[in-house]
Amino acid sequence: MTPTARFDRSICVQRTHFIDEVTNLEEVVDYLENWPEERRGLAHETLLKACREAAAGRFPLSAVGENFRRFVKKAGNPPVFSGALQ
């Protein structure tokens, strides 16, 4: 699987003044790498490892997408929704 492997549906994350649309594995990794260091923990580390495993074809891409949705919700970001932006 390539890092640009796309999710079936994009994952949109509400931010203060904009919406991030995450469509593939590489964008999840970028999001996690830009996550504030003081807020990183076990969930962040586990999700990053899952991304690496998915890129190597050893973990389902759909599971990465679902876990990313859960990660941003648990982190207290405003609602997450799926589907392309119009």
PDB file of N, CA and C in Angstrom:
ATOM      1  N   MET A   1       0.848  -1.175   0.000  1.00  0.00           N
ATOM      2  CA  MET A   1       0.000   0.000   0.000  1.00  0.00           C
ATOM      3  C   MET A   1       0.894   1.239   0.000  1.00  0.00           C
ATOM      4  N   THR A   2       0.473   2.231  -0.716  1.00  0.00           N
ATOM      5  CA  THR A   2       1.258   3.459  -0.772  1.00  0.00           C
ATOM      6  C   THR A   2       0.759   4.471   0.259  1.00  0.00           C
ATOM      7  N   PRO A   3       1.621   5.387   0.678  1.00  0.00           N
ATOM      8  CA  PRO A   3       1.193   6.407   1.640  1.00  0.00           C
ATOM      9  C   PRO A   3       0.071   7.295   1.119  1.00  0.00           C
ATOM     10  N   THR A   4      -0.100   7.326  -0.200  1.00  0.00           N
ATOM     11  CA  THR A   4      -1.166   8.150  -0.761  1.00  0.00           C
ATOM     12  C   THR A   4      -2.447   7.358  -0.986  1.00  0.00           C
ATOM     13  N   ALA A   5      -2.491   6.118  -0.474  1.00  0.00           N
ATOM     14  CA  ALA A   5      -3.712   5.321  -0.576  1.00  0.00           C
ATOM     15  C   ALA A   5      -4.856   6.118   0.054  1.00  0.00           C
ATOM     16  N   ARG A   6      -5.945   6.242  -0.673  1.00  0.00           N
ATOM     17  CA  ARG A   6      -7.043   7.112  -0.254  1.00  0.00           C
ATOM     18  C   ARG A   6      -8.093   6.344   0.551  1.00  0.00           C
ATOM     19  N   PHE A   7      -8.696   7.063   1.497  1.00  0.00           N
ATOM     20  CA  PHE A   7      -9.815   6.515   2.251  1.00  0.00           C
ATOM     21  C   PHE A   7     -11.045   6.473   1.352  1.00  0.00           C
ATOM     22  N   ASP A   8     -11.994   5.582   1.673  1.00  0.00           N
ATOM     23  CA  ASP A   8     -13.240   5.531   0.915  1.00  0.00           C
ATOM     24  C   ASP A   8     -13.974   6.865   0.989  1.00  0.00           C
ATOM     25  N   ARG A   9     -13.916   7.487   2.171  1.00  0.00           N
ATOM     26  CA  ARG A   9     -14.530   8.796   2.390  1.00  0.00           C
ATOM     27  C   ARG A   9     -13.518   9.672   3.106  1.00  0.00           C
ATOM     28  N   SER A  10     -13.472  10.934   2.715  1.00  0.00           N
ATOM     29  CA  SER A  10     -12.541  11.846   3.382  1.00  0.00           C
ATOM     30  C   SER A  10     -12.979  12.070   4.826  1.00  0.00           C
ATOM     31  N   ILE A  11     -12.039  12.488   5.640  1.00  0.00           N
ATOM     32  CA  ILE A  11     -12.296  12.775   7.056  1.00  0.00           C
ATOM     33  C   ILE A  11     -12.081  14.267   7.238  1.00  0.00           C
ATOM     34  N   CYS A  12     -13.117  14.960   7.649  1.00  0.00           N
ATOM     35  CA  CYS A  12     -13.037  16.405   7.802  1.00  0.00           C
ATOM     36  C   CYS A  12     -13.003  16.753   9.282  1.00  0.00           C
ATOM     37  N   VAL A  13     -12.045  17.591   9.640  1.00  0.00           N
ATOM     38  CA  VAL A  13     -11.848  17.973  11.036  1.00  0.00           C
ATOM     39  C   VAL A  13     -12.060  19.477  11.154  1.00  0.00           C
ATOM     40  N   GLN A  14     -13.043  19.858  11.946  1.00  0.00           N
ATOM     41  CA  GLN A  14     -13.333  21.280  12.178  1.00  0.00           C
ATOM     42  C   GLN A  14     -12.215  21.891  13.014  1.00  0.00           C
ATOM     43  N   ARG A  15     -11.669  22.987  12.566  1.00  0.00           N
ATOM     44  CA  ARG A  15     -10.668  23.745  13.323  1.00  0.00           C
ATOM     45  C   ARG A  15     -11.300  25.077  13.690  1.00  0.00           C
ATOM     46  N   THR A  16     -10.565  25.931  14.344  1.00  0.00           N
ATOM     47  CA  THR A  16     -11.112  27.212  14.775  1.00  0.00           C
ATOM     48  C   THR A  16     -11.657  28.020  13.602  1.00  0.00           C
ATOM     49  N   HIS A  17     -10.866  28.191  12.557  1.00  0.00           N
ATOM     50  CA  HIS A  17     -11.265  29.044  11.439  1.00  0.00           C
ATOM     51  C   HIS A  17     -11.317  28.321  10.099  1.00  0.00           C
ATOM     52  N   PHE A  18     -11.139  27.036  10.083  1.00  0.00           N
ATOM     53  CA  PHE A  18     -11.144  26.297   8.827  1.00  0.00           C
ATOM     54  C   PHE A  18     -11.418  24.822   9.084  1.00  0.00           C
ATOM     55  N   ILE A  19     -11.544  24.073   8.005  1.00  0.00           N
ATOM     56  CA  ILE A  19     -11.766  22.634   8.088  1.00  0.00           C
ATOM     57  C   ILE A  19     -10.616  21.940   7.368  1.00  0.00           C
ATOM     58  N   ASP A  20      -9.988  20.983   8.054  1.00  0.00           N
ATOM     59  CA  ASP A  20      -8.981  20.131   7.423  1.00  0.00           C
ATOM     60  C   ASP A  20      -9.703  18.965   6.770  1.00  0.00           C
ATOM     61  N   GLU A  21      -9.396  18.701   5.513  1.00  0.00           N
ATOM     62  CA  GLU A  21      -9.940  17.522   4.839  1.00  0.00           C
ATOM     63  C   GLU A  21      -8.795  16.529   4.656  1.00  0.00           C
ATOM     64  N   VAL A  22      -8.900  15.400   5.341  1.00  0.00           N
ATOM     65  CA  VAL A  22      -7.870  14.366   5.305  1.00  0.00           C
ATOM     66  C   VAL A  22      -8.387  13.252   4.402  1.00  0.00           C
ATOM     67  N   THR A  23      -7.650  12.968   3.333  1.00  0.00           N
ATOM     68  CA  THR A  23      -8.133  12.007   2.341  1.00  0.00           C
ATOM     69  C   THR A  23      -7.277  10.755   2.206  1.00  0.00           C
ATOM     70  N   ASN A  24      -6.065  10.777   2.789  1.00  0.00           N
ATOM     71  CA  ASN A  24      -5.193   9.617   2.602  1.00  0.00           C
ATOM     72  C   ASN A  24      -4.250   9.429   3.792  1.00  0.00           C
ATOM     73  N   LEU A  25      -3.532   8.350   3.752  1.00  0.00           N
ATOM     74  CA  LEU A  25      -2.626   7.967   4.833  1.00  0.00           C
ATOM     75  C   LEU A  25      -1.537   9.012   5.069  1.00  0.00           C
ATOM     76  N   GLU A  26      -0.984   9.538   4.004  1.00  0.00           N
ATOM     77  CA  GLU A  26       0.070  10.547   4.124  1.00  0.00           C
ATOM     78  C   GLU A  26      -0.434  11.788   4.874  1.00  0.00           C
ATOM     79  N   GLU A  27      -1.672  12.185   4.628  1.00  0.00           N
ATOM     80  CA  GLU A  27      -2.235  13.348   5.310  1.00  0.00           C
ATOM     81  C   GLU A  27      -2.467  13.079   6.794  1.00  0.00           C
ATOM     82  N   VAL A  28      -2.801  11.838   7.152  1.00  0.00           N
ATOM     83  CA  VAL A  28      -2.927  11.485   8.570  1.00  0.00           C
ATOM     84  C   VAL A  28      -1.561  11.608   9.248  1.00  0.00           C
ATOM     85  N   VAL A  29      -0.530  11.087   8.596  1.00  0.00           N
ATOM     86  CA  VAL A  29       0.820  11.169   9.154  1.00  0.00           C
ATOM     87  C   VAL A  29       1.227  12.633   9.318  1.00  0.00           C
ATOM     88  N   ASP A  30       0.973  13.463   8.318  1.00  0.00           N
ATOM     89  CA  ASP A  30       1.294  14.894   8.416  1.00  0.00           C
ATOM     90  C   ASP A  30       0.561  15.528   9.592  1.00  0.00           C
ATOM     91  N   TYR A  31      -0.711  15.202   9.746  1.00  0.00           N
ATOM     92  CA  TYR A  31      -1.516  15.738  10.846  1.00  0.00           C
ATOM     93  C   TYR A  31      -0.902  15.344  12.186  1.00  0.00           C
ATOM     94  N   LEU A  32      -0.532  14.078  12.308  1.00  0.00           N
ATOM     95  CA  LEU A  32       0.050  13.590  13.562  1.00  0.00           C
ATOM     96  C   LEU A  32       1.428  14.183  13.827  1.00  0.00           C
ATOM     97  N   GLU A  33       2.226  14.359  12.787  1.00  0.00           N
ATOM     98  CA  GLU A  33       3.554  14.939  12.969  1.00  0.00           C
ATOM     99  C   GLU A  33       3.477  16.406  13.379  1.00  0.00           C
ATOM    100  N   ASN A  34       2.393  17.074  13.031  1.00  0.00           N
ATOM    101  CA  ASN A  34       2.202  18.479  13.412  1.00  0.00           C
ATOM    102  C   ASN A  34       1.447  18.627  14.727  1.00  0.00           C
ATOM    103  N   TRP A  35       1.077  17.518  15.330  1.00  0.00           N
ATOM    104  CA  TRP A  35       0.364  17.541  16.606  1.00  0.00           C
ATOM    105  C   TRP A  35       1.301  18.103  17.681  1.00  0.00           C
ATOM    106  N   PRO A  36       0.816  18.969  18.549  1.00  0.00           N
ATOM    107  CA  PRO A  36       1.692  19.550  19.581  1.00  0.00           C
ATOM    108  C   PRO A  36       2.353  18.464  20.447  1.00  0.00           C
ATOM    109  N   GLU A  37       3.647  18.591  20.626  1.00  0.00           N
ATOM    110  CA  GLU A  37       4.391  17.575  21.379  1.00  0.00           C
ATOM    111  C   GLU A  37       3.854  17.377  22.788  1.00  0.00           C
ATOM    112  N   GLU A  38       3.429  18.456  23.425  1.00  0.00           N
ATOM    113  CA  GLU A  38       2.925  18.340  24.795  1.00  0.00           C
ATOM    114  C   GLU A  38       1.586  17.606  24.876  1.00  0.00           C
ATOM    115  N   ARG A  39       0.915  17.408  23.743  1.00  0.00           N
ATOM    116  CA  ARG A  39      -0.363  16.691  23.731  1.00  0.00           C
ATOM    117  C   ARG A  39      -0.227  15.260  23.212  1.00  0.00           C
ATOM    118  N   ARG A  40       0.977  14.879  22.836  1.00  0.00           N
ATOM    119  CA  ARG A  40       1.197  13.522  22.330  1.00  0.00           C
ATOM    120  C   ARG A  40       1.191  12.536  23.492  1.00  0.00           C
ATOM    121  N   GLY A  41       0.739  11.355  23.220  1.00  0.00           N
ATOM    122  CA  GLY A  41       0.696  10.325  24.240  1.00  0.00           C
ATOM    123  C   GLY A  41       0.589   8.964  23.581  1.00  0.00           C
ATOM    124  N   LEU A  42       0.061   8.008  24.324  1.00  0.00           N
ATOM    125  CA  LEU A  42      -0.047   6.637  23.833  1.00  0.00           C
ATOM    126  C   LEU A  42      -0.931   6.538  22.590  1.00  0.00           C
ATOM    127  N   ALA A  43      -2.058   7.244  22.581  1.00  0.00           N
ATOM    128  CA  ALA A  43      -2.963   7.186  21.420  1.00  0.00           C
ATOM    129  C   ALA A  43      -2.263   7.725  20.172  1.00  0.00           C
ATOM    130  N   HIS A  44      -1.545   8.816  20.315  1.00  0.00           N
ATOM    131  CA  HIS A  44      -0.812   9.412  19.197  1.00  0.00           C
ATOM    132  C   HIS A  44       0.240   8.436  18.684  1.00  0.00           C
ATOM    133  N   GLU A  45       1.007   7.887  19.595  1.00  0.00           N
ATOM    134  CA  GLU A  45       2.076   6.945  19.241  1.00  0.00           C
ATOM    135  C   GLU A  45       1.511   5.698  18.547  1.00  0.00           C
ATOM    136  N   THR A  46       0.411   5.183  19.077  1.00  0.00           N
ATOM    137  CA  THR A  46      -0.207   3.981  18.517  1.00  0.00           C
ATOM    138  C   THR A  46      -0.750   4.236  17.119  1.00  0.00           C
ATOM    139  N   LEU A  47      -1.379   5.388  16.926  1.00  0.00           N
ATOM    140  CA  LEU A  47      -1.925   5.720  15.611  1.00  0.00           C
ATOM    141  C   LEU A  47      -0.816   5.934  14.590  1.00  0.00           C
ATOM    142  N   LEU A  48       0.262   6.560  14.991  1.00  0.00           N
ATOM    143  CA  LEU A  48       1.393   6.755  14.085  1.00  0.00           C
ATOM    144  C   LEU A  48       1.985   5.400  13.678  1.00  0.00           C
ATOM    145  N   LYS A  49       2.083   4.485  14.637  1.00  0.00           N
ATOM    146  CA  LYS A  49       2.581   3.136  14.331  1.00  0.00           C
ATOM    147  C   LYS A  49       1.623   2.422  13.370  1.00  0.00           C
ATOM    148  N   ALA A  50       0.326   2.581  13.585  1.00  0.00           N
ATOM    149  CA  ALA A  50      -0.666   1.970  12.692  1.00  0.00           C
ATOM    150  C   ALA A  50      -0.524   2.515  11.268  1.00  0.00           C
ATOM    151  N   CYS A  51      -0.209   3.803  11.150  1.00  0.00           N
ATOM    152  CA  CYS A  51       0.010   4.397   9.829  1.00  0.00           C
ATOM    153  C   CYS A  51       1.197   3.748   9.128  1.00  0.00           C
ATOM    154  N   ARG A  52       2.276   3.561   9.865  1.00  0.00           N
ATOM    155  CA  ARG A  52       3.458   2.913   9.275  1.00  0.00           C
ATOM    156  C   ARG A  52       3.132   1.477   8.850  1.00  0.00           C
ATOM    157  N   GLU A  53       2.389   0.778   9.694  1.00  0.00           N
ATOM    158  CA  GLU A  53       2.007  -0.604   9.376  1.00  0.00           C
ATOM    159  C   GLU A  53       1.080  -0.652   8.151  1.00  0.00           C
ATOM    160  N   ALA A  54       0.174   0.304   8.052  1.00  0.00           N
ATOM    161  CA  ALA A  54      -0.735   0.356   6.894  1.00  0.00           C
ATOM    162  C   ALA A  54       0.052   0.650   5.619  1.00  0.00           C
ATOM    163  N   ALA A  55       1.036   1.542   5.704  1.00  0.00           N
ATOM    164  CA  ALA A  55       1.856   1.856   4.537  1.00  0.00           C
ATOM    165  C   ALA A  55       2.625   0.625   4.058  1.00  0.00           C
ATOM    166  N   ALA A  56       2.960  -0.262   4.992  1.00  0.00           N
ATOM    167  CA  ALA A  56       3.677  -1.494   4.654  1.00  0.00           C
ATOM    168  C   ALA A  56       2.721  -2.621   4.272  1.00  0.00           C
ATOM    169  N   GLY A  57       1.410  -2.350   4.318  1.00  0.00           N
ATOM    170  CA  GLY A  57       0.426  -3.357   3.939  1.00  0.00           C
ATOM    171  C   GLY A  57       0.088  -4.344   5.038  1.00  0.00           C
ATOM    172  N   ARG A  58       0.452  -4.040   6.273  1.00  0.00           N
ATOM    173  CA  ARG A  58       0.212  -4.963   7.387  1.00  0.00           C
ATOM    174  C   ARG A  58      -0.924  -4.528   8.308  1.00  0.00           C
ATOM    175  N   PHE A  59      -1.618  -3.455   7.961  1.00  0.00           N
ATOM    176  CA  PHE A  59      -2.721  -2.953   8.789  1.00  0.00           C
ATOM    177  C   PHE A  59      -3.749  -2.338   7.852  1.00  0.00           C
ATOM    178  N   PRO A  60      -5.031  -2.576   8.088  1.00  0.00           N
ATOM    179  CA  PRO A  60      -6.053  -2.071   7.159  1.00  0.00           C
ATOM    180  C   PRO A  60      -6.165  -0.538   7.169  1.00  0.00           C
ATOM    181  N   LEU A  61      -6.206   0.028   5.978  1.00  0.00           N
ATOM    182  CA  LEU A  61      -6.356   1.470   5.827  1.00  0.00           C
ATOM    183  C   LEU A  61      -7.658   1.958   6.467  1.00  0.00           C
ATOM    184  N   SER A  62      -8.709   1.179   6.342  1.00  0.00           N
ATOM    185  CA  SER A  62      -9.999   1.572   6.922  1.00  0.00           C
ATOM    186  C   SER A  62      -9.903   1.702   8.444  1.00  0.00           C
ATOM    187  N   ALA A  63      -9.104   0.851   9.079  1.00  0.00           N
ATOM    188  CA  ALA A  63      -8.922   0.920  10.531  1.00  0.00           C
ATOM    189  C   ALA A  63      -8.147   2.173  10.921  1.00  0.00           C
ATOM    190  N   VAL A  64      -7.181   2.574  10.108  1.00  0.00           N
ATOM    191  CA  VAL A  64      -6.455   3.815  10.363  1.00  0.00           C
ATOM    192  C   VAL A  64      -7.432   4.985  10.305  1.00  0.00           C
ATOM    193  N   GLY A  65      -8.282   4.998   9.288  1.00  0.00           N
ATOM    194  CA  GLY A  65      -9.256   6.081   9.157  1.00  0.00           C
ATOM    195  C   GLY A  65     -10.195   6.168  10.349  1.00  0.00           C
ATOM    196  N   GLU A  66     -10.701   5.030  10.782  1.00  0.00           N
ATOM    197  CA  GLU A  66     -11.618   5.021  11.930  1.00  0.00           C
ATOM    198  C   GLU A  66     -10.896   5.442  13.208  1.00  0.00           C
ATOM    199  N   ASN A  67      -9.695   4.972  13.400  1.00  0.00           N
ATOM    200  CA  ASN A  67      -8.936   5.348  14.593  1.00  0.00           C
ATOM    201  C   ASN A  67      -8.530   6.821  14.572  1.00  0.00           C
ATOM    202  N   PHE A  68      -8.278   7.364  13.387  1.00  0.00           N
ATOM    203  CA  PHE A  68      -7.975   8.789  13.283  1.00  0.00           C
ATOM    204  C   PHE A  68      -9.201   9.616  13.683  1.00  0.00           C
ATOM    205  N   ARG A  69     -10.381   9.206  13.213  1.00  0.00           N
ATOM    206  CA  ARG A  69     -11.620   9.895  13.614  1.00  0.00           C
ATOM    207  C   ARG A  69     -11.755   9.904  15.142  1.00  0.00           C
ATOM    208  N   ARG A  70     -11.528   8.762  15.742  1.00  0.00           N
ATOM    209  CA  ARG A  70     -11.626   8.655  17.208  1.00  0.00           C
ATOM    210  C   ARG A  70     -10.566   9.512  17.903  1.00  0.00           C
ATOM    211  N   PHE A  71      -9.361   9.537  17.345  1.00  0.00           N
ATOM    212  CA  PHE A  71      -8.269  10.305  17.934  1.00  0.00           C
ATOM    213  C   PHE A  71      -8.620  11.785  18.008  1.00  0.00           C
ATOM    214  N   VAL A  72      -9.084  12.347  16.900  1.00  0.00           N
ATOM    215  CA  VAL A  72      -9.370  13.785  16.911  1.00  0.00           C
ATOM    216  C   VAL A  72     -10.580  14.110  17.777  1.00  0.00           C
ATOM    217  N   LYS A  73     -11.550  13.212  17.829  1.00  0.00           N
ATOM    218  CA  LYS A  73     -12.704  13.439  18.715  1.00  0.00           C
ATOM    219  C   LYS A  73     -12.268  13.422  20.174  1.00  0.00           C
ATOM    220  N   LYS A  74     -11.476  12.424  20.537  1.00  0.00           N
ATOM    221  CA  LYS A  74     -11.023  12.303  21.921  1.00  0.00           C
ATOM    222  C   LYS A  74     -10.124  13.470  22.316  1.00  0.00           C
ATOM    223  N   ALA A  75      -9.407  14.017  21.358  1.00  0.00           N
ATOM    224  CA  ALA A  75      -8.511  15.132  21.631  1.00  0.00           C
ATOM    225  C   ALA A  75      -9.264  16.434  21.888  1.00  0.00           C
ATOM    226  N   GLY A  76     -10.586  16.394  21.715  1.00  0.00           N
ATOM    227  CA  GLY A  76     -11.387  17.581  22.001  1.00  0.00           C
ATOM    228  C   GLY A  76     -11.570  18.521  20.825  1.00  0.00           C
ATOM    229  N   ASN A  77     -11.204  18.065  19.643  1.00  0.00           N
ATOM    230  CA  ASN A  77     -11.457  18.901  18.468  1.00  0.00           C
ATOM    231  C   ASN A  77     -12.950  18.926  18.199  1.00  0.00           C
ATOM    232  N   PRO A  78     -13.433  20.001  17.588  1.00  0.00           N
ATOM    233  CA  PRO A  78     -14.865  20.043  17.242  1.00  0.00           C
ATOM    234  C   PRO A  78     -15.256  18.847  16.373  1.00  0.00           C
ATOM    235  N   PRO A  79     -16.550  18.658  16.141  1.00  0.00           N
ATOM    236  CA  PRO A  79     -17.031  17.446  15.471  1.00  0.00           C
ATOM    237  C   PRO A  79     -16.279  17.077  14.197  1.00  0.00           C
ATOM    238  N   VAL A  80     -16.130  15.801  14.034  1.00  0.00           N
ATOM    239  CA  VAL A  80     -15.502  15.233  12.854  1.00  0.00           C
ATOM    240  C   VAL A  80     -16.602  14.623  12.016  1.00  0.00           C
ATOM    241  N   PHE A  81     -16.540  14.806  10.720  1.00  0.00           N
ATOM    242  CA  PHE A  81     -17.519  14.178   9.850  1.00  0.00           C
ATOM    243  C   PHE A  81     -16.815  13.607   8.655  1.00  0.00           C
ATOM    244  N   SER A  82     -17.481  12.707   7.956  1.00  0.00           N
ATOM    245  CA  SER A  82     -16.894  12.066   6.793  1.00  0.00           C
ATOM    246  C   SER A  82     -17.634  12.508   5.553  1.00  0.00           C
ATOM    247  N   GLY A  83     -16.913  12.478   4.450  1.00  0.00           N
ATOM    248  CA  GLY A  83     -17.490  12.854   3.174  1.00  0.00           C
ATOM    249  C   GLY A  83     -16.727  14.026   2.598  1.00  0.00           C
ATOM    250  N   ALA A  84     -16.749  14.116   1.293  1.00  0.00           N
ATOM    251  CA  ALA A  84     -16.007  15.180   0.627  1.00  0.00           C
ATOM    252  C   ALA A  84     -16.658  16.531   0.878  1.00  0.00           C
ATOM    253  N   LEU A  85     -15.817  17.557   0.929  1.00  0.00           N
ATOM    254  CA  LEU A  85     -16.336  18.917   1.047  1.00  0.00           C
ATOM    255  C   LEU A  85     -16.972  19.305  -0.265  1.00  0.00           C
ATOM    256  N   GLN A  86     -18.016  20.055  -0.210  1.00  0.00           N
ATOM    257  CA  GLN A  86     -18.709  20.501  -1.410  1.00  0.00           C
ATOM    258  C   GLN A  86     -18.310  21.918  -1.763  1.00  0.00           C
TER     259      GLN A  86
END
